[in-house]
Amino acid sequence: MRRRPTVVLGASGLVGQRMQQRLCNHPWFELKAVGGRQENAGKSLEQIPWRLEQLRPTLPSVPIFDLSSDSFIQDMLKLDIEVAFSCLPSDVAERVESELAQAGIAVFSNASFHRGKEGIPLVIPEINAEHSTAFSTTKGPIMCGTNCTLIPMAVPLAALRMFEIQTVHMRSEQALSGAGWQLLFDENANKGVLDSEIPGEAEKVAEEFLHVFGTLDGTTVIPANFELDIECQRVARRDGHQVFVKATFAHPFSLESVLQAFTSHQFPKAAMRCPSAPVHPLHIVEHIDVEHHLWSNGTTFADQPKPSEDLQTGMAIIVGDVKIIDTFTLSFSAYSHNTIRGAAGGTMLLAEQAVVKGHIP
């Protein structure tokens, strides 16, 4: 399969650099350009401080373009860019993503601006892959990944949909990296001296949860109707979002039937062919160990991960501490790598699925 010329929108942020990391050896996409702030335009990637814990991989010598330049779109067309991975702040994404899509460049976005907009799919492959049929409407080819906290909450619950979800309470403990590299390198935050509140996060998670569990009517999504109670907080951990879920269902179950549902849950066939798809979307353990369970490919945990070489590692969601409270109520904990599965890797998986399904040539 050919490698499609690709731009990453984001030179110095954590998610942008995760995307650069994943593109080093990607078999389907080739990094040809990076879009960044005006002060970084013209620099080489080697001149940009590297924020990730792994060593900077051998990145191609590609130019950094000024995202605010009037010539940015034309510059991308001159390079024959076909795919853009957006890792931008919402205010910048509003303009750049739309202009790229209108120019015919397929945009796969980790930014929040276009999430839930009419005609723009907001997709988690294991839950609502069918929503991707709205890709490439009159607004141009844009598809969005969800909030990173939603992933460990929603995917295990999707495995239990046959029991018919009624109510969900979720409390999160979210890593420092979810707020960007500045907090990640803040000495006080790493010591636990930080504001645990995340303004607006609970509301975003709830809205997107109902959206991805909704039904598609043409290009319009009719949201699901569950009773939700969401609490989100920041904790002094580098990476990894953990959620604690209690849910009630309309139909009875046993521990055995719940575990069977978790272990048998799988991607749709199109996603299973993707390089970034883990062996299993859910990795079931008795108890979650946040220190050792961060990097899973669905079957094994990596102590020394190499995400620029192994696209599956860090892409599975860990589920543990499963308890049956009564025949209609259960609780569990789930854990995922927020800048991998919840951001760069999850967005890349959408693009890979679009290739397999023929949404992009």
Protein backbone atom coordinates (compact mmCIF):
# COMPACT_ATOMS: atom_id res chain seq x y z
CA MET A 1 0.00 0.00 0.00
CA ARG A 2 1.30 3.45 -0.90
CA ARG A 3 2.23 6.06 1.72
CA ARG A 4 0.04 9.16 1.51
CA PRO A 5 1.74 12.58 1.84
CA THR A 6 0.75 13.90 5.27
CA VAL A 7 1.00 17.07 7.35
CA VAL A 8 0.86 17.23 11.14
CA LEU A 9 -0.74 20.41 12.47
CA GLY A 10 1.24 20.91 15.67
CA ALA A 11 5.02 21.17 16.01
CA SER A 12 5.71 21.49 19.72
CA GLY A 13 2.69 20.17 21.65
CA LEU A 14 2.49 16.71 23.21
CA VAL A 15 -0.15 15.38 20.81
CA GLY A 16 1.55 16.87 17.76
CA GLN A 17 4.81 15.21 18.75
CA ARG A 18 3.05 11.92 19.49
CA MET A 19 1.70 12.12 15.94
CA GLN A 20 5.16 12.83 14.52
CA GLN A 21 6.46 9.88 16.54
CA ARG A 22 3.80 7.54 15.11
CA LEU A 23 4.40 8.67 11.54
CA CYS A 24 8.13 7.83 11.54
CA ASN A 25 7.56 4.30 10.30
CA HIS A 26 3.90 4.30 9.38
CA PRO A 27 3.23 2.09 6.36
CA TRP A 28 0.28 4.13 5.01
CA PHE A 29 1.14 7.78 5.77
CA GLU A 30 4.36 9.71 5.13
CA LEU A 31 5.22 12.87 7.05
CA LYS A 32 5.92 15.60 4.49
CA ALA A 33 5.27 18.81 6.45
CA VAL A 34 4.45 20.21 9.85
CA GLY A 35 2.30 23.24 10.61
CA GLY A 36 3.27 25.34 13.61
CA ARG A 37 3.27 28.78 15.18
CA GLN A 38 4.73 31.72 13.30
CA GLU A 39 7.86 31.81 15.47
CA ASN A 40 8.66 28.19 14.54
CA ALA A 41 8.15 28.60 10.79
CA GLY A 42 11.26 27.76 8.80
CA LYS A 43 12.87 25.81 11.62
CA SER A 44 13.75 22.13 11.41
CA LEU A 45 12.02 19.68 13.73
CA GLU A 46 15.34 19.10 15.48
CA GLN A 47 15.23 22.73 16.66
CA ILE A 48 11.90 22.24 18.47
CA PRO A 49 12.16 21.06 22.10
CA TRP A 50 11.10 17.40 22.36
CA ARG A 51 8.47 16.89 25.08
CA LEU A 52 7.98 13.11 25.11
CA GLU A 53 9.67 10.67 27.48
CA GLN A 54 11.06 8.50 24.68
CA LEU A 55 14.05 9.82 22.75
CA ARG A 56 13.24 11.82 19.66
CA PRO A 57 13.02 9.31 16.78
CA THR A 58 14.71 9.88 13.45
CA LEU A 59 12.24 12.28 11.90
CA PRO A 60 12.35 13.21 8.22
CA SER A 61 13.78 16.59 7.29
CA VAL A 62 10.48 18.33 6.63
CA PRO A 63 9.72 22.06 6.75
CA ILE A 64 7.65 23.74 9.45
CA PHE A 65 5.07 26.06 7.91
CA ASP A 66 3.34 29.02 9.54
CA LEU A 67 -0.27 27.99 10.18
CA SER A 68 -1.34 31.64 10.23
CA SER A 69 0.13 32.40 6.80
CA ASP A 70 -2.26 33.26 3.97
CA SER A 71 -0.27 30.86 1.79
CA PHE A 72 -0.51 27.84 4.11
CA ILE A 73 -3.20 25.98 2.16
CA GLN A 74 -1.46 26.60 -1.16
CA ASP A 75 1.82 25.44 0.37
CA MET A 76 0.15 22.16 1.32
CA LEU A 77 -1.32 21.70 -2.15
CA LYS A 78 2.09 22.31 -3.74
CA LEU A 79 3.45 19.48 -1.60
CA ASP A 80 0.57 17.22 -2.76
CA ILE A 81 -0.57 16.75 0.85
CA GLU A 82 -3.52 14.35 1.01
CA VAL A 83 -4.01 13.88 4.77
CA ALA A 84 -3.77 16.29 7.71
CA PHE A 85 -3.61 15.25 11.35
CA SER A 86 -4.80 18.17 13.46
CA CYS A 87 -3.44 18.57 16.98
CA LEU A 88 -4.42 22.21 17.34
CA PRO A 89 -6.09 24.44 19.92
CA SER A 90 -9.78 24.87 19.16
CA ASP A 91 -9.54 28.51 18.04
CA VAL A 92 -6.86 27.71 15.45
CA ALA A 93 -8.56 24.50 14.31
CA GLU A 94 -11.76 26.38 13.47
CA ARG A 95 -10.12 28.12 10.51
CA VAL A 96 -7.32 25.81 9.40
CA GLU A 97 -9.23 22.52 9.43
CA SER A 98 -12.11 23.93 7.40
CA GLU A 99 -9.81 25.49 4.81
CA LEU A 100 -7.81 22.29 4.39
CA ALA A 101 -10.95 20.21 4.01
CA GLN A 102 -12.44 22.60 1.46
CA ALA A 103 -9.19 22.27 -0.49
CA GLY A 104 -9.79 18.51 -0.63
CA ILE A 105 -7.27 17.47 2.03
CA ALA A 106 -8.70 14.83 4.40
CA VAL A 107 -8.54 16.14 7.99
CA PHE A 108 -8.47 13.86 11.03
CA SER A 109 -8.74 16.01 14.10
CA ASN A 110 -7.92 15.70 17.76
CA ALA A 111 -9.09 19.29 18.29
CA SER A 112 -12.43 20.01 19.92
CA PHE A 113 -13.91 22.67 17.64
CA HIS A 114 -15.60 20.42 15.05
CA ARG A 115 -16.68 17.67 17.45
CA GLY A 116 -20.38 17.02 17.14
CA LYS A 117 -20.91 19.49 14.29
CA GLU A 118 -23.54 18.54 11.73
CA GLY A 119 -22.05 16.45 8.90
CA ILE A 120 -18.70 15.90 10.66
CA PRO A 121 -18.30 12.40 12.14
CA LEU A 122 -17.24 12.07 15.78
CA VAL A 123 -16.13 8.46 15.97
CA ILE A 124 -14.77 5.79 18.28
CA PRO A 125 -14.30 2.79 15.96
CA GLU A 126 -15.46 0.12 18.45
CA ILE A 127 -18.67 2.05 19.17
CA ASN A 128 -19.99 4.03 16.21
CA ALA A 129 -17.92 3.25 13.11
CA GLU A 130 -21.11 3.58 11.06
CA HIS A 131 -21.13 7.33 11.78
CA SER A 132 -18.10 7.67 9.48
CA THR A 133 -20.43 7.38 6.48
CA ALA A 134 -21.00 11.14 6.91
CA PHE A 135 -17.33 11.75 6.06
CA SER A 136 -16.68 14.09 3.11
CA THR A 137 -19.93 16.03 3.00
CA THR A 138 -20.21 19.59 1.63
CA LYS A 139 -18.11 20.76 4.59
CA GLY A 140 -15.20 18.76 3.23
CA PRO A 141 -13.58 15.61 4.55
CA ILE A 142 -13.22 16.12 8.32
CA MET A 143 -13.48 13.43 10.99
CA CYS A 144 -12.94 13.96 14.72
CA GLY A 145 -11.71 11.87 17.58
CA THR A 146 -13.35 12.31 20.97
CA ASN A 147 -12.28 13.73 24.30
CA CYS A 148 -9.51 11.52 25.70
CA THR A 149 -11.37 10.85 28.97
CA LEU A 150 -14.33 9.43 27.10
CA ILE A 151 -12.34 6.50 25.66
CA PRO A 152 -11.84 4.38 28.83
CA MET A 153 -15.38 5.16 29.97
CA ALA A 154 -17.22 4.50 26.73
CA VAL A 155 -15.55 1.47 25.13
CA PRO A 156 -16.16 -0.96 28.03
CA LEU A 157 -19.75 0.23 28.26
CA ALA A 158 -20.17 -0.30 24.52
CA ALA A 159 -19.23 -3.95 25.09
CA LEU A 160 -22.24 -4.18 27.44
CA ARG A 161 -24.83 -2.55 25.20
CA MET A 162 -26.79 -5.78 24.87
CA PHE A 163 -27.82 -5.32 28.53
CA GLU A 164 -29.25 -1.85 27.67
CA ILE A 165 -27.58 0.98 29.57
CA GLN A 166 -29.84 2.97 31.89
CA THR A 167 -27.61 5.13 34.10
CA VAL A 168 -23.88 5.80 34.32
CA HIS A 169 -21.84 7.45 37.04
CA MET A 170 -18.18 8.09 36.21
CA ARG A 171 -15.35 9.66 38.18
CA SER A 172 -12.04 10.29 36.45
CA GLU A 173 -8.44 10.72 37.54
CA GLN A 174 -6.69 12.41 34.63
CA ALA A 175 -2.97 12.72 33.99
CA LEU A 176 -1.00 15.94 33.84
CA SER A 177 -0.24 15.43 30.14
CA GLY A 178 -3.93 15.84 29.39
CA ALA A 179 -3.49 19.56 30.08
CA GLY A 180 -0.42 19.98 27.86
CA TRP A 181 3.33 19.97 28.25
CA GLN A 182 3.49 23.07 30.46
CA LEU A 183 1.71 21.34 33.35
CA LEU A 184 3.60 18.14 32.67
CA PHE A 185 6.87 19.95 33.35
CA ASP A 186 5.57 21.96 36.31
CA GLU A 187 7.55 21.00 39.42
CA ASN A 188 4.71 21.74 41.86
CA ALA A 189 2.17 19.79 39.79
CA ASN A 190 4.41 16.75 39.76
CA LYS A 191 4.60 16.96 43.55
CA GLY A 192 0.81 16.96 43.75
CA VAL A 193 0.36 20.70 44.27
CA LEU A 194 -2.19 21.45 41.57
CA ASP A 195 -5.77 22.45 40.98
CA SER A 196 -7.67 19.19 40.52
CA GLU A 197 -10.65 20.90 38.86
CA ILE A 198 -10.95 20.66 35.04
CA PRO A 199 -13.52 23.30 34.03
CA GLY A 200 -16.02 22.11 31.43
CA GLU A 201 -14.54 18.62 31.16
CA ALA A 202 -17.48 16.73 32.68
CA GLU A 203 -19.93 18.49 30.39
CA LYS A 204 -17.84 17.69 27.29
CA VAL A 205 -17.50 14.03 28.26
CA ALA A 206 -21.25 13.69 28.84
CA GLU A 207 -22.18 15.38 25.57
CA GLU A 208 -19.77 13.31 23.51
CA PHE A 209 -20.80 10.08 25.26
CA LEU A 210 -24.42 10.61 24.24
CA HIS A 211 -23.31 11.54 20.73
CA VAL A 212 -21.19 8.44 20.01
CA PHE A 213 -23.92 6.18 21.44
CA GLY A 214 -26.50 7.97 19.31
CA THR A 215 -28.13 6.87 16.06
CA LEU A 216 -27.42 8.28 12.62
CA ASP A 217 -30.24 9.80 10.56
CA GLY A 218 -28.68 10.85 7.27
CA THR A 219 -25.81 13.05 8.46
CA THR A 220 -27.58 13.98 11.70
CA VAL A 221 -26.82 12.16 14.95
CA ILE A 222 -29.72 11.69 17.34
CA PRO A 223 -28.05 11.50 20.77
CA ALA A 224 -28.66 8.60 23.12
CA ASN A 225 -30.77 9.18 26.20
CA PHE A 226 -28.94 7.91 29.28
CA GLU A 227 -28.85 9.35 32.77
CA LEU A 228 -25.25 10.49 33.34
CA ASP A 229 -23.36 11.73 36.39
CA ILE A 230 -19.79 12.70 35.48
CA GLU A 231 -16.97 13.98 37.71
CA CYS A 232 -13.51 14.84 36.36
CA GLN A 233 -10.34 15.70 38.22
CA ARG A 234 -6.61 16.13 37.53
CA VAL A 235 -4.04 14.07 39.45
CA ALA A 236 -0.23 14.15 39.72
CA ARG A 237 0.49 11.39 37.20
CA ARG A 238 2.44 11.90 33.98
CA ASP A 239 0.27 9.87 31.59
CA GLY A 240 -2.84 7.72 31.78
CA HIS A 241 -6.48 8.54 32.44
CA GLN A 242 -8.28 6.23 34.85
CA VAL A 243 -12.05 6.15 35.25
CA PHE A 244 -14.24 4.59 37.93
CA VAL A 245 -17.63 3.61 36.57
CA LYS A 246 -20.87 2.46 38.13
CA ALA A 247 -23.68 1.63 35.70
CA THR A 248 -27.18 0.19 35.77
CA PHE A 249 -28.81 -1.78 32.96
CA ALA A 250 -32.30 -2.85 31.94
CA HIS A 251 -31.42 -6.54 31.63
CA PRO A 252 -29.81 -8.81 34.24
CA PHE A 253 -26.31 -10.21 33.97
CA SER A 254 -23.73 -12.23 35.84
CA LEU A 255 -20.03 -11.68 36.34
CA GLU A 256 -19.35 -14.40 33.79
CA SER A 257 -21.56 -12.78 31.14
CA VAL A 258 -19.99 -9.37 31.72
CA LEU A 259 -16.44 -10.71 31.43
CA GLN A 260 -17.42 -12.64 28.32
CA ALA A 261 -18.81 -9.44 26.80
CA PHE A 262 -15.57 -7.60 27.58
CA THR A 263 -13.27 -10.28 26.18
CA SER A 264 -15.30 -10.81 23.02
CA HIS A 265 -15.67 -7.11 22.20
CA GLN A 266 -13.83 -6.34 18.98
CA PHE A 267 -13.29 -3.68 16.35
CA PRO A 268 -15.32 -3.74 13.12
CA LYS A 269 -13.53 -5.66 10.38
CA ALA A 270 -12.27 -2.50 8.67
CA ALA A 271 -10.53 -1.29 11.82
CA MET A 272 -9.05 -4.70 12.58
CA ARG A 273 -6.94 -4.37 9.42
CA CYS A 274 -5.41 -1.10 10.62
CA PRO A 275 -1.78 -0.86 11.77
CA SER A 276 -2.77 1.03 14.94
CA ALA A 277 -5.53 -1.36 16.03
CA PRO A 278 -4.50 -3.34 19.13
CA VAL A 279 -4.93 -7.09 19.19
CA HIS A 280 -7.98 -6.59 21.43
CA PRO A 281 -9.59 -3.23 22.25
CA LEU A 282 -10.08 -4.26 25.91
CA HIS A 283 -7.36 -5.84 28.04
CA ILE A 284 -8.93 -7.43 31.12
CA VAL A 285 -7.02 -7.62 34.41
CA GLU A 286 -8.04 -8.34 37.98
CA HIS A 287 -6.77 -5.01 39.33
CA ILE A 288 -5.35 -2.03 37.45
CA ASP A 289 -1.77 -1.03 38.19
CA VAL A 290 -1.32 2.50 36.83
CA GLU A 291 2.46 2.17 36.84
CA HIS A 292 2.67 -1.03 34.81
CA HIS A 293 -0.56 -1.18 32.78
CA LEU A 294 -0.17 1.97 30.66
CA TRP A 295 1.29 0.44 27.49
CA SER A 296 -0.87 -2.46 26.28
CA ASN A 297 -1.38 -3.85 22.78
CA GLY A 298 -4.44 -5.78 23.96
CA THR A 299 -2.61 -8.89 25.13
CA THR A 300 0.72 -7.83 26.67
CA PHE A 301 2.16 -4.87 28.56
CA ALA A 302 5.37 -3.18 27.43
CA ASP A 303 7.86 -2.07 30.07
CA GLN A 304 10.05 -0.34 27.51
CA PRO A 305 7.61 0.75 24.79
CA LYS A 306 8.78 1.87 21.36
CA PRO A 307 5.73 3.72 20.02
CA SER A 308 7.53 4.93 16.89
CA GLU A 309 8.00 1.29 15.89
CA ASP A 310 5.07 -0.51 17.55
CA LEU A 311 1.84 1.26 16.64
CA GLN A 312 -0.31 -1.15 18.67
CA THR A 313 1.30 -0.52 22.05
CA GLY A 314 -0.64 1.91 24.22
CA MET A 315 -3.78 1.51 22.11
CA ALA A 316 -5.73 -0.96 24.28
CA ILE A 317 -8.00 0.01 27.16
CA ILE A 318 -7.34 -1.76 30.45
CA VAL A 319 -10.41 -2.92 32.41
CA GLY A 320 -10.24 -4.22 35.96
CA ASP A 321 -11.85 -4.28 39.39
CA VAL A 322 -15.11 -5.56 37.89
CA LYS A 323 -17.78 -6.03 40.56
CA ILE A 324 -21.41 -7.10 40.29
CA ILE A 325 -23.39 -5.01 42.77
CA ASP A 326 -26.71 -6.64 41.90
CA THR A 327 -28.09 -8.34 38.81
CA PHE A 328 -28.67 -4.95 37.10
CA THR A 329 -25.74 -2.91 38.46
CA LEU A 330 -21.99 -3.20 38.16
CA SER A 331 -18.85 -1.21 38.72
CA PHE A 332 -15.45 -1.32 37.06
CA SER A 333 -12.32 0.72 36.55
CA ALA A 334 -10.70 1.41 33.18
CA TYR A 335 -7.42 2.97 32.14
CA SER A 336 -5.93 4.20 28.88
CA HIS A 337 -2.98 6.15 27.57
CA ASN A 338 -4.41 9.61 27.03
CA THR A 339 -1.91 10.93 24.46
CA ILE A 340 -1.81 7.61 22.56
CA ARG A 341 -5.26 5.98 22.43
CA GLY A 342 -7.02 9.10 23.68
CA ALA A 343 -5.36 11.45 21.21
CA ALA A 344 -2.71 10.81 18.52
CA GLY A 345 -3.16 7.06 18.14
CA GLY A 346 -6.94 7.20 18.26
CA THR A 347 -7.04 9.93 15.61
CA MET A 348 -4.61 8.00 13.42
CA LEU A 349 -6.80 4.90 13.75
CA LEU A 350 -9.69 6.91 12.25
CA ALA A 351 -7.54 7.77 9.24
CA GLU A 352 -6.44 4.17 8.82
CA GLN A 353 -10.05 3.01 8.96
CA ALA A 354 -10.94 5.62 6.32
CA VAL A 355 -8.28 4.15 4.04
CA VAL A 356 -9.56 0.61 4.52
CA LYS A 357 -13.16 1.67 3.87
CA GLY A 358 -12.21 3.68 0.80
CA HIS A 359 -13.19 7.08 2.20
CA ILE A 360 -9.73 8.30 1.17
CA PRO A 361 -7.86 6.74 -1.77
